[in-house]
Amino acid sequence: MKNKKTFIFIVLALALTSVLVFVFLKRTTTPRYQYAYIDVQQLVQAYNQTEEFQELYQKINEEFNSFNHALQEEAD
């Protein structure tokens, strides 16, 4: 009976060790990064939106500076 328990314990220990080694090796051999697909259409659309926002920002900044200049002239 004692030999049977020892044998089962050894088999379970070997199985657990095998699983742990397999998981460790699997984890170390897989890359930690993923390749991503870049959608060119979406990239171009985002660039165009950025360009539009930059133009809008410049226009608003010019209007603000013009308004500020008018206020300063009025104050003088």
PDB file of N, CA and C in Angstrom:
ATOM      1  N   MET A   1       0.811  -1.187   0.000  1.00  0.00           N
ATOM      2  CA  MET A   1       0.000   0.000   0.000  1.00  0.00           C
ATOM      3  C   MET A   1       0.862   1.262   0.000  1.00  0.00           C
ATOM      4  N   LYS A   2       1.952   1.234   0.780  1.00  0.00           N
ATOM      5  CA  LYS A   2       2.832   2.388   0.850  1.00  0.00           C
ATOM      6  C   LYS A   2       3.529   2.613  -0.486  1.00  0.00           C
ATOM      7  N   ASN A   3       3.911   1.521  -1.147  1.00  0.00           N
ATOM      8  CA  ASN A   3       4.562   1.643  -2.447  1.00  0.00           C
ATOM      9  C   ASN A   3       3.613   2.238  -3.482  1.00  0.00           C
ATOM     10  N   LYS A   4       2.332   1.894  -3.406  1.00  0.00           N
ATOM     11  CA  LYS A   4       1.349   2.406  -4.351  1.00  0.00           C
ATOM     12  C   LYS A   4       1.164   3.916  -4.159  1.00  0.00           C
ATOM     13  N   LYS A   5       1.103   4.386  -2.915  1.00  0.00           N
ATOM     14  CA  LYS A   5       0.969   5.816  -2.635  1.00  0.00           C
ATOM     15  C   LYS A   5       2.213   6.571  -3.098  1.00  0.00           C
ATOM     16  N   THR A   6       3.370   5.995  -2.866  1.00  0.00           N
ATOM     17  CA  THR A   6       4.620   6.623  -3.298  1.00  0.00           C
ATOM     18  C   THR A   6       4.663   6.718  -4.816  1.00  0.00           C
ATOM     19  N   PHE A   7       4.253   5.654  -5.494  1.00  0.00           N
ATOM     20  CA  PHE A   7       4.240   5.641  -6.953  1.00  0.00           C
ATOM     21  C   PHE A   7       3.284   6.711  -7.491  1.00  0.00           C
ATOM     22  N   ILE A   8       2.086   6.815  -6.920  1.00  0.00           N
ATOM     23  CA  ILE A   8       1.113   7.829  -7.353  1.00  0.00           C
ATOM     24  C   ILE A   8       1.657   9.229  -7.088  1.00  0.00           C
ATOM     25  N   PHE A   9       2.291   9.427  -5.947  1.00  0.00           N
ATOM     26  CA  PHE A   9       2.875  10.723  -5.621  1.00  0.00           C
ATOM     27  C   PHE A   9       3.967  11.100  -6.618  1.00  0.00           C
ATOM     28  N   ILE A  10       4.816  10.147  -6.973  1.00  0.00           N
ATOM     29  CA  ILE A  10       5.898  10.404  -7.930  1.00  0.00           C
ATOM     30  C   ILE A  10       5.322  10.738  -9.302  1.00  0.00           C
ATOM     31  N   VAL A  11       4.296  10.000  -9.731  1.00  0.00           N
ATOM     32  CA  VAL A  11       3.673  10.262 -11.035  1.00  0.00           C
ATOM     33  C   VAL A  11       3.040  11.648 -11.055  1.00  0.00           C
ATOM     34  N   LEU A  12       2.333  12.009  -9.988  1.00  0.00           N
ATOM     35  CA  LEU A  12       1.726  13.339  -9.921  1.00  0.00           C
ATOM     36  C   LEU A  12       2.782  14.442  -9.900  1.00  0.00           C
ATOM     37  N   ALA A  13       3.870  14.222  -9.178  1.00  0.00           N
ATOM     38  CA  ALA A  13       4.955  15.207  -9.133  1.00  0.00           C
ATOM     39  C   ALA A  13       5.583  15.369 -10.506  1.00  0.00           C
ATOM     40  N   LEU A  14       5.801  14.266 -11.218  1.00  0.00           N
ATOM     41  CA  LEU A  14       6.358  14.347 -12.572  1.00  0.00           C
ATOM     42  C   LEU A  14       5.396  15.052 -13.525  1.00  0.00           C
ATOM     43  N   ALA A  15       4.107  14.759 -13.398  1.00  0.00           N
ATOM     44  CA  ALA A  15       3.112  15.414 -14.256  1.00  0.00           C
ATOM     45  C   ALA A  15       3.083  16.916 -13.996  1.00  0.00           C
ATOM     46  N   LEU A  16       3.081  17.310 -12.734  1.00  0.00           N
ATOM     47  CA  LEU A  16       3.078  18.726 -12.389  1.00  0.00           C
ATOM     48  C   LEU A  16       4.344  19.415 -12.887  1.00  0.00           C
ATOM     49  N   THR A  17       5.481  18.766 -12.702  1.00  0.00           N
ATOM     50  CA  THR A  17       6.744  19.322 -13.179  1.00  0.00           C
ATOM     51  C   THR A  17       6.726  19.471 -14.692  1.00  0.00           C
ATOM     52  N   SER A  18       6.198  18.471 -15.389  1.00  0.00           N
ATOM     53  CA  SER A  18       6.120  18.531 -16.853  1.00  0.00           C
ATOM     54  C   SER A  18       5.243  19.690 -17.313  1.00  0.00           C
ATOM     55  N   VAL A  19       4.114  19.863 -16.658  1.00  0.00           N
ATOM     56  CA  VAL A  19       3.217  20.968 -17.025  1.00  0.00           C
ATOM     57  C   VAL A  19       3.893  22.308 -16.777  1.00  0.00           C
ATOM     58  N   LEU A  20       4.547  22.458 -15.649  1.00  0.00           N
ATOM     59  CA  LEU A  20       5.229  23.718 -15.339  1.00  0.00           C
ATOM     60  C   LEU A  20       6.348  24.015 -16.331  1.00  0.00           C
ATOM     61  N   VAL A  21       7.126  22.990 -16.683  1.00  0.00           N
ATOM     62  CA  VAL A  21       8.204  23.181 -17.661  1.00  0.00           C
ATOM     63  C   VAL A  21       7.617  23.550 -19.017  1.00  0.00           C
ATOM     64  N   PHE A  22       6.543  22.881 -19.421  1.00  0.00           N
ATOM     65  CA  PHE A  22       5.908  23.181 -20.702  1.00  0.00           C
ATOM     66  C   PHE A  22       5.403  24.623 -20.736  1.00  0.00           C
ATOM     67  N   VAL A  23       4.734  25.050 -19.674  1.00  0.00           N
ATOM     68  CA  VAL A  23       4.214  26.420 -19.620  1.00  0.00           C
ATOM     69  C   VAL A  23       5.361  27.420 -19.651  1.00  0.00           C
ATOM     70  N   PHE A  24       6.416  27.169 -18.913  1.00  0.00           N
ATOM     71  CA  PHE A  24       7.565  28.075 -18.895  1.00  0.00           C
ATOM     72  C   PHE A  24       8.205  28.171 -20.271  1.00  0.00           C
ATOM     73  N   LEU A  25       8.428  27.024 -20.915  1.00  0.00           N
ATOM     74  CA  LEU A  25       9.044  27.040 -22.243  1.00  0.00           C
ATOM     75  C   LEU A  25       8.135  27.707 -23.270  1.00  0.00           C
ATOM     76  N   LYS A  26       6.857  27.461 -23.178  1.00  0.00           N
ATOM     77  CA  LYS A  26       5.904  28.077 -24.111  1.00  0.00           C
ATOM     78  C   LYS A  26       5.913  29.591 -23.947  1.00  0.00           C
ATOM     79  N   ARG A  27       5.992  30.029 -22.715  1.00  0.00           N
ATOM     80  CA  ARG A  27       5.968  31.467 -22.446  1.00  0.00           C
ATOM     81  C   ARG A  27       7.254  32.153 -22.904  1.00  0.00           C
ATOM     82  N   THR A  28       8.388  31.499 -22.752  1.00  0.00           N
ATOM     83  CA  THR A  28       9.652  32.130 -23.128  1.00  0.00           C
ATOM     84  C   THR A  28       9.891  32.094 -24.628  1.00  0.00           C
ATOM     85  N   THR A  29       9.267  31.174 -25.337  1.00  0.00           N
ATOM     86  CA  THR A  29       9.509  31.085 -26.779  1.00  0.00           C
ATOM     87  C   THR A  29       8.552  31.939 -27.595  1.00  0.00           C
ATOM     88  N   THR A  30       7.418  32.341 -27.034  1.00  0.00           N
ATOM     89  CA  THR A  30       6.483  33.166 -27.793  1.00  0.00           C
ATOM     90  C   THR A  30       6.916  34.618 -27.713  1.00  0.00           C
ATOM     91  N   PRO A  31       6.794  35.355 -28.822  1.00  0.00           N
ATOM     92  CA  PRO A  31       7.183  36.768 -28.796  1.00  0.00           C
ATOM     93  C   PRO A  31       6.224  37.582 -27.935  1.00  0.00           C
ATOM     94  N   ARG A  32       6.744  38.641 -27.368  1.00  0.00           N
ATOM     95  CA  ARG A  32       5.941  39.476 -26.483  1.00  0.00           C
ATOM     96  C   ARG A  32       5.320  40.660 -27.226  1.00  0.00           C
ATOM     97  N   TYR A  33       5.401  40.685 -28.521  1.00  0.00           N
ATOM     98  CA  TYR A  33       4.835  41.762 -29.317  1.00  0.00           C
ATOM     99  C   TYR A  33       3.924  41.164 -30.380  1.00  0.00           C
ATOM    100  N   GLN A  34       3.092  42.017 -30.916  1.00  0.00           N
ATOM    101  CA  GLN A  34       2.186  41.582 -31.962  1.00  0.00           C
ATOM    102  C   GLN A  34       2.321  42.537 -33.137  1.00  0.00           C
ATOM    103  N   TYR A  35       2.215  41.992 -34.317  1.00  0.00           N
ATOM    104  CA  TYR A  35       2.211  42.827 -35.505  1.00  0.00           C
ATOM    105  C   TYR A  35       0.805  43.353 -35.724  1.00  0.00           C
ATOM    106  N   ALA A  36       0.721  44.585 -36.124  1.00  0.00           N
ATOM    107  CA  ALA A  36      -0.590  45.193 -36.330  1.00  0.00           C
ATOM    108  C   ALA A  36      -0.716  45.634 -37.782  1.00  0.00           C
ATOM    109  N   TYR A  37      -1.919  45.595 -38.264  1.00  0.00           N
ATOM    110  CA  TYR A  37      -2.209  46.060 -39.611  1.00  0.00           C
ATOM    111  C   TYR A  37      -2.503  47.546 -39.549  1.00  0.00           C
ATOM    112  N   ILE A  38      -1.846  48.304 -40.396  1.00  0.00           N
ATOM    113  CA  ILE A  38      -2.067  49.742 -40.448  1.00  0.00           C
ATOM    114  C   ILE A  38      -2.990  50.032 -41.621  1.00  0.00           C
ATOM    115  N   ASP A  39      -4.144  50.587 -41.312  1.00  0.00           N
ATOM    116  CA  ASP A  39      -5.107  50.940 -42.342  1.00  0.00           C
ATOM    117  C   ASP A  39      -4.700  52.285 -42.930  1.00  0.00           C
ATOM    118  N   VAL A  40      -4.247  52.267 -44.170  1.00  0.00           N
ATOM    119  CA  VAL A  40      -3.728  53.475 -44.804  1.00  0.00           C
ATOM    120  C   VAL A  40      -4.842  54.499 -44.988  1.00  0.00           C
ATOM    121  N   GLN A  41      -6.032  54.042 -45.327  1.00  0.00           N
ATOM    122  CA  GLN A  41      -7.155  54.968 -45.508  1.00  0.00           C
ATOM    123  C   GLN A  41      -7.436  55.735 -44.219  1.00  0.00           C
ATOM    124  N   GLN A  42      -7.448  55.028 -43.117  1.00  0.00           N
ATOM    125  CA  GLN A  42      -7.709  55.670 -41.826  1.00  0.00           C
ATOM    126  C   GLN A  42      -6.565  56.614 -41.461  1.00  0.00           C
ATOM    127  N   LEU A  43      -5.354  56.243 -41.803  1.00  0.00           N
ATOM    128  CA  LEU A  43      -4.202  57.097 -41.530  1.00  0.00           C
ATOM    129  C   LEU A  43      -4.292  58.397 -42.325  1.00  0.00           C
ATOM    130  N   VAL A  44      -4.654  58.296 -43.608  1.00  0.00           N
ATOM    131  CA  VAL A  44      -4.796  59.484 -44.452  1.00  0.00           C
ATOM    132  C   VAL A  44      -5.924  60.364 -43.932  1.00  0.00           C
ATOM    133  N   GLN A  45      -7.023  59.747 -43.527  1.00  0.00           N
ATOM    134  CA  GLN A  45      -8.152  60.504 -43.003  1.00  0.00           C
ATOM    135  C   GLN A  45      -7.758  61.247 -41.725  1.00  0.00           C
ATOM    136  N   ALA A  46      -7.031  60.589 -40.851  1.00  0.00           N
ATOM    137  CA  ALA A  46      -6.588  61.234 -39.611  1.00  0.00           C
ATOM    138  C   ALA A  46      -5.632  62.383 -39.915  1.00  0.00           C
ATOM    139  N   TYR A  47      -4.762  62.192 -40.918  1.00  0.00           N
ATOM    140  CA  TYR A  47      -3.828  63.260 -41.296  1.00  0.00           C
ATOM    141  C   TYR A  47      -4.596  64.464 -41.830  1.00  0.00           C
ATOM    142  N   ASN A  48      -5.594  64.197 -42.680  1.00  0.00           N
ATOM    143  CA  ASN A  48      -6.382  65.299 -43.235  1.00  0.00           C
ATOM    144  C   ASN A  48      -7.142  66.041 -42.140  1.00  0.00           C
ATOM    145  N   GLN A  49      -7.682  65.319 -41.183  1.00  0.00           N
ATOM    146  CA  GLN A  49      -8.375  65.970 -40.072  1.00  0.00           C
ATOM    147  C   GLN A  49      -7.407  66.824 -39.261  1.00  0.00           C
ATOM    148  N   THR A  50      -6.206  66.316 -39.047  1.00  0.00           N
ATOM    149  CA  THR A  50      -5.201  67.079 -38.311  1.00  0.00           C
ATOM    150  C   THR A  50      -4.853  68.353 -39.061  1.00  0.00           C
ATOM    151  N   GLU A  51      -4.715  68.244 -40.376  1.00  0.00           N
ATOM    152  CA  GLU A  51      -4.407  69.414 -41.191  1.00  0.00           C
ATOM    153  C   GLU A  51      -5.548  70.434 -41.123  1.00  0.00           C
ATOM    154  N   GLU A  52      -6.788  69.955 -41.177  1.00  0.00           N
ATOM    155  CA  GLU A  52      -7.943  70.857 -41.068  1.00  0.00           C
ATOM    156  C   GLU A  52      -7.965  71.550 -39.710  1.00  0.00           C
ATOM    157  N   PHE A  53      -7.685  70.806 -38.648  1.00  0.00           N
ATOM    158  CA  PHE A  53      -7.673  71.403 -37.314  1.00  0.00           C
ATOM    159  C   PHE A  53      -6.551  72.431 -37.175  1.00  0.00           C
ATOM    160  N   GLN A  54      -5.412  72.167 -37.800  1.00  0.00           N
ATOM    161  CA  GLN A  54      -4.320  73.137 -37.746  1.00  0.00           C
ATOM    162  C   GLN A  54      -4.709  74.420 -38.467  1.00  0.00           C
ATOM    163  N   GLU A  55      -5.362  74.291 -39.631  1.00  0.00           N
ATOM    164  CA  GLU A  55      -5.815  75.473 -40.360  1.00  0.00           C
ATOM    165  C   GLU A  55      -6.857  76.241 -39.548  1.00  0.00           C
ATOM    166  N   LEU A  56      -7.782  75.519 -38.932  1.00  0.00           N
ATOM    167  CA  LEU A  56      -8.798  76.159 -38.100  1.00  0.00           C
ATOM    168  C   LEU A  56      -8.153  76.875 -36.914  1.00  0.00           C
ATOM    169  N   TYR A  57      -7.158  76.234 -36.302  1.00  0.00           N
ATOM    170  CA  TYR A  57      -6.459  76.854 -35.169  1.00  0.00           C
ATOM    171  C   TYR A  57      -5.762  78.140 -35.613  1.00  0.00           C
ATOM    172  N   GLN A  58      -5.104  78.109 -36.764  1.00  0.00           N
ATOM    173  CA  GLN A  58      -4.422  79.308 -37.254  1.00  0.00           C
ATOM    174  C   GLN A  58      -5.421  80.428 -37.535  1.00  0.00           C
ATOM    175  N   LYS A  59      -6.559  80.068 -38.138  1.00  0.00           N
ATOM    176  CA  LYS A  59      -7.585  81.069 -38.444  1.00  0.00           C
ATOM    177  C   LYS A  59      -8.128  81.693 -37.162  1.00  0.00           C
ATOM    178  N   ILE A  60      -8.441  80.859 -36.175  1.00  0.00           N
ATOM    179  CA  ILE A  60      -8.967  81.374 -34.905  1.00  0.00           C
ATOM    180  C   ILE A  60      -7.910  82.205 -34.186  1.00  0.00           C
ATOM    181  N   ASN A  61      -6.666  81.790 -34.261  1.00  0.00           N
ATOM    182  CA  ASN A  61      -5.583  82.541 -33.626  1.00  0.00           C
ATOM    183  C   ASN A  61      -5.425  83.908 -34.287  1.00  0.00           C
ATOM    184  N   GLU A  62      -5.526  83.965 -35.615  1.00  0.00           N
ATOM    185  CA  GLU A  62      -5.440  85.249 -36.314  1.00  0.00           C
ATOM    186  C   GLU A  62      -6.603  86.155 -35.922  1.00  0.00           C
ATOM    187  N   GLU A  63      -7.819  85.587 -35.841  1.00  0.00           N
ATOM    188  CA  GLU A  63      -8.982  86.379 -35.433  1.00  0.00           C
ATOM    189  C   GLU A  63      -8.815  86.893 -34.001  1.00  0.00           C
ATOM    190  N   PHE A  64      -8.298  86.055 -33.130  1.00  0.00           N
ATOM    191  CA  PHE A  64      -8.083  86.467 -31.747  1.00  0.00           C
ATOM    192  C   PHE A  64      -7.058  87.596 -31.676  1.00  0.00           C
ATOM    193  N   ASN A  65      -5.969  87.459 -32.424  1.00  0.00           N
ATOM    194  CA  ASN A  65      -4.946  88.510 -32.423  1.00  0.00           C
ATOM    195  C   ASN A  65      -5.500  89.809 -32.994  1.00  0.00           C
ATOM    196  N   SER A  66      -6.326  89.700 -34.048  1.00  0.00           N
ATOM    197  CA  SER A  66      -6.945  90.889 -34.635  1.00  0.00           C
ATOM    198  C   SER A  66      -7.880  91.556 -33.626  1.00  0.00           C
ATOM    199  N   PHE A  67      -8.677  90.759 -32.930  1.00  0.00           N
ATOM    200  CA  PHE A  67      -9.585  91.292 -31.914  1.00  0.00           C
ATOM    201  C   PHE A  67      -8.800  91.932 -30.774  1.00  0.00           C
ATOM    202  N   ASN A  68      -7.722  91.287 -30.358  1.00  0.00           N
ATOM    203  CA  ASN A  68      -6.875  91.827 -29.294  1.00  0.00           C
ATOM    204  C   ASN A  68      -6.259  93.151 -29.730  1.00  0.00           C
ATOM    205  N   HIS A  69      -5.812  93.218 -30.974  1.00  0.00           N
ATOM    206  CA  HIS A  69      -5.215  94.446 -31.499  1.00  0.00           C
ATOM    207  C   HIS A  69      -6.266  95.565 -31.534  1.00  0.00           C
ATOM    208  N   ALA A  70      -7.498  95.223 -31.955  1.00  0.00           N
ATOM    209  CA  ALA A  70      -8.570  96.222 -32.001  1.00  0.00           C
ATOM    210  C   ALA A  70      -8.896  96.726 -30.597  1.00  0.00           C
ATOM    211  N   LEU A  71      -8.914  95.835 -29.620  1.00  0.00           N
ATOM    212  CA  LEU A  71      -9.176  96.256 -28.238  1.00  0.00           C
ATOM    213  C   LEU A  71      -8.075  97.167 -27.711  1.00  0.00           C
ATOM    214  N   GLN A  72      -6.834  96.865 -28.062  1.00  0.00           N
ATOM    215  CA  GLN A  72      -5.724  97.701 -27.602  1.00  0.00           C
ATOM    216  C   GLN A  72      -5.787  99.083 -28.244  1.00  0.00           C
ATOM    217  N   GLU A  73      -6.153  99.142 -29.541  1.00  0.00           N
ATOM    218  CA  GLU A  73      -6.269 100.444 -30.208  1.00  0.00           C
ATOM    219  C   GLU A  73      -7.418 101.250 -29.611  1.00  0.00           C
ATOM    220  N   GLU A  74      -8.501 100.546 -29.275  1.00  0.00           N
ATOM    221  CA  GLU A  74      -9.652 101.226 -28.695  1.00  0.00           C
ATOM    222  C   GLU A  74      -9.325 101.762 -27.304  1.00  0.00           C
ATOM    223  N   ALA A  75      -8.497 101.035 -26.579  1.00  0.00           N
ATOM    224  CA  ALA A  75      -8.133 101.458 -25.228  1.00  0.00           C
ATOM    225  C   ALA A  75      -7.189 102.655 -25.261  1.00  0.00           C
ATOM    226  N   ASP A  76      -6.438 102.805 -26.343  1.00  0.00           N
ATOM    227  CA  ASP A  76      -5.473 103.923 -26.428  1.00  0.00           C
ATOM    228  C   ASP A  76      -6.144 105.183 -26.772  1.00  0.00           C
TER     229      ASP A  76
END
